[in-house]
């Protein structure tokens, strides 16, 4: 990620990555290693879990310091039916 996304970024700009996950990576060790490489390159990682079964340990492992988890559960969003526009 560091070489692909932030190549050519402004020198003084804060580098931030937002990781969106279901909280259960297929390979936990590889996911943590990748996040650590990113963080070691001065890129802050914020992690967003998108399911109600998100694993807090995973969110903490992938996020930058402080390893804080703030969560809330939103009910499933139901959109009203679309109307024909004339």
C-alpha atoms as a PDB file:
ATOM      1  CA  UNK A   1       0.000   0.000   0.000  1.00  0.00           C
ATOM      2  CA  UNK A   2       2.768   2.435   0.899  1.00  0.00           C
ATOM      3  CA  UNK A   3       4.367   2.359  -2.545  1.00  0.00           C
ATOM      4  CA  UNK A   4       1.162   2.248  -4.558  1.00  0.00           C
ATOM      5  CA  UNK A   5      -1.101   4.740  -2.795  1.00  0.00           C
ATOM      6  CA  UNK A   6       1.198   7.281  -1.189  1.00  0.00           C
ATOM      7  CA  UNK A   7       3.841   7.550  -3.891  1.00  0.00           C
ATOM      8  CA  UNK A   8       4.000  11.237  -4.785  1.00  0.00           C
ATOM      9  CA  UNK A   9       2.032  12.419  -1.747  1.00  0.00           C
ATOM     10  CA  UNK A  10       2.755  15.887  -0.417  1.00  0.00           C
ATOM     11  CA  UNK A  11       5.804  15.644   1.891  1.00  0.00           C
ATOM     12  CA  UNK A  12       4.106  17.239   4.913  1.00  0.00           C
ATOM     13  CA  UNK A  13       0.674  15.665   4.462  1.00  0.00           C
ATOM     14  CA  UNK A  14      -0.484  13.219   7.118  1.00  0.00           C
ATOM     15  CA  UNK A  15      -0.848   9.768   5.600  1.00  0.00           C
ATOM     16  CA  UNK A  16      -3.961   7.875   6.652  1.00  0.00           C
ATOM     17  CA  UNK A  17      -5.312   4.485   5.602  1.00  0.00           C
ATOM     18  CA  UNK A  18      -8.844   3.339   6.365  1.00  0.00           C
ATOM     19  CA  UNK A  19      -9.190  -0.420   6.467  1.00  0.00           C
ATOM     20  CA  UNK A  20     -12.730  -1.724   6.029  1.00  0.00           C
ATOM     21  CA  UNK A  21     -13.148  -5.313   7.168  1.00  0.00           C
ATOM     22  CA  UNK A  22     -15.658  -7.876   8.324  1.00  0.00           C
ATOM     23  CA  UNK A  23     -13.218  -8.381  11.201  1.00  0.00           C
ATOM     24  CA  UNK A  24     -12.250 -11.905  10.253  1.00  0.00           C
ATOM     25  CA  UNK A  25      -9.336 -11.996   7.789  1.00  0.00           C
ATOM     26  CA  UNK A  26      -8.668 -15.257   5.973  1.00  0.00           C
ATOM     27  CA  UNK A  27      -5.038 -15.069   7.115  1.00  0.00           C
ATOM     28  CA  UNK A  28      -4.786 -13.136  10.396  1.00  0.00           C
ATOM     29  CA  UNK A  29      -0.975 -13.216  10.519  1.00  0.00           C
ATOM     30  CA  UNK A  30      -0.564 -11.842   6.988  1.00  0.00           C
ATOM     31  CA  UNK A  31      -3.137  -9.115   7.616  1.00  0.00           C
ATOM     32  CA  UNK A  32      -1.359  -7.970  10.795  1.00  0.00           C
ATOM     33  CA  UNK A  33       2.038  -8.078   9.062  1.00  0.00           C
ATOM     34  CA  UNK A  34       0.741  -5.938   6.184  1.00  0.00           C
ATOM     35  CA  UNK A  35      -0.799  -3.403   8.579  1.00  0.00           C
ATOM     36  CA  UNK A  36       2.454  -3.267  10.557  1.00  0.00           C
ATOM     37  CA  UNK A  37       4.473  -2.497   7.418  1.00  0.00           C
ATOM     38  CA  UNK A  38       2.075   0.331   6.594  1.00  0.00           C
ATOM     39  CA  UNK A  39       2.229   1.723  10.133  1.00  0.00           C
ATOM     40  CA  UNK A  40       6.042   1.501  10.153  1.00  0.00           C
ATOM     41  CA  UNK A  41       5.991   3.847   7.153  1.00  0.00           C
ATOM     42  CA  UNK A  42       4.256   6.532   9.240  1.00  0.00           C
ATOM     43  CA  UNK A  43       0.796   5.824   7.872  1.00  0.00           C
ATOM     44  CA  UNK A  44      -1.993   5.935  10.462  1.00  0.00           C
ATOM     45  CA  UNK A  45      -4.419   3.027  10.121  1.00  0.00           C
ATOM     46  CA  UNK A  46      -8.047   3.351  11.160  1.00  0.00           C
ATOM     47  CA  UNK A  47     -10.117   0.190  10.999  1.00  0.00           C
ATOM     48  CA  UNK A  48     -13.860  -0.055  10.385  1.00  0.00           C
ATOM     49  CA  UNK A  49     -15.703  -3.315  11.051  1.00  0.00           C
ATOM     50  CA  UNK A  50     -18.838  -3.649   8.952  1.00  0.00           C
ATOM     51  CA  UNK A  51     -20.639  -6.650  10.419  1.00  0.00           C
ATOM     52  CA  UNK A  52     -22.237  -7.338  13.755  1.00  0.00           C
ATOM     53  CA  UNK A  53     -19.820 -10.244  14.280  1.00  0.00           C
ATOM     54  CA  UNK A  54     -16.647  -8.162  13.942  1.00  0.00           C
ATOM     55  CA  UNK A  55     -13.770  -9.439  16.064  1.00  0.00           C
ATOM     56  CA  UNK A  56     -12.393  -6.674  18.333  1.00  0.00           C
ATOM     57  CA  UNK A  57      -9.009  -8.406  18.577  1.00  0.00           C
ATOM     58  CA  UNK A  58      -8.618  -8.105  14.813  1.00  0.00           C
ATOM     59  CA  UNK A  59      -9.664  -4.446  14.799  1.00  0.00           C
ATOM     60  CA  UNK A  60      -7.092  -3.651  17.487  1.00  0.00           C
ATOM     61  CA  UNK A  61      -4.353  -5.668  15.761  1.00  0.00           C
ATOM     62  CA  UNK A  62      -4.808  -3.823  12.452  1.00  0.00           C
ATOM     63  CA  UNK A  63      -5.193  -0.313  13.860  1.00  0.00           C
ATOM     64  CA  UNK A  64      -2.550   2.231  14.785  1.00  0.00           C
ATOM     65  CA  UNK A  65      -1.998   3.364  18.363  1.00  0.00           C
ATOM     66  CA  UNK A  66      -3.918   3.974  20.454  1.00  0.00           C
ATOM     67  CA  UNK A  67      -5.514   0.559  20.027  1.00  0.00           C
ATOM     68  CA  UNK A  68      -8.982   1.813  20.877  1.00  0.00           C
ATOM     69  CA  UNK A  69     -12.233   0.338  19.652  1.00  0.00           C
ATOM     70  CA  UNK A  70     -15.376   2.414  19.589  1.00  0.00           C
ATOM     71  CA  UNK A  71     -18.358   0.617  18.234  1.00  0.00           C
ATOM     72  CA  UNK A  72     -22.020   0.856  17.572  1.00  0.00           C
ATOM     73  CA  UNK A  73     -24.461  -1.335  15.743  1.00  0.00           C
ATOM     74  CA  UNK A  74     -26.746   0.091  13.115  1.00  0.00           C
ATOM     75  CA  UNK A  75     -29.863  -1.741  12.041  1.00  0.00           C
ATOM     76  CA  UNK A  76     -29.999  -2.850   8.452  1.00  0.00           C
ATOM     77  CA  UNK A  77     -30.804   0.066   6.194  1.00  0.00           C
ATOM     78  CA  UNK A  78     -34.010  -0.343   4.235  1.00  0.00           C
ATOM     79  CA  UNK A  79     -34.556   2.104   1.419  1.00  0.00           C
ATOM     80  CA  UNK A  80     -38.051   3.111   0.358  1.00  0.00           C
ATOM     81  CA  UNK A  81     -39.215   1.802  -3.013  1.00  0.00           C
ATOM     82  CA  UNK A  82     -38.282   3.983  -5.947  1.00  0.00           C
ATOM     83  CA  UNK A  83     -41.027   5.935  -7.630  1.00  0.00           C
ATOM     84  CA  UNK A  84     -41.342   6.470 -11.334  1.00  0.00           C
ATOM     85  CA  UNK A  85     -40.255   9.961 -12.203  1.00  0.00           C
ATOM     86  CA  UNK A  86     -42.208  11.759 -14.892  1.00  0.00           C
END
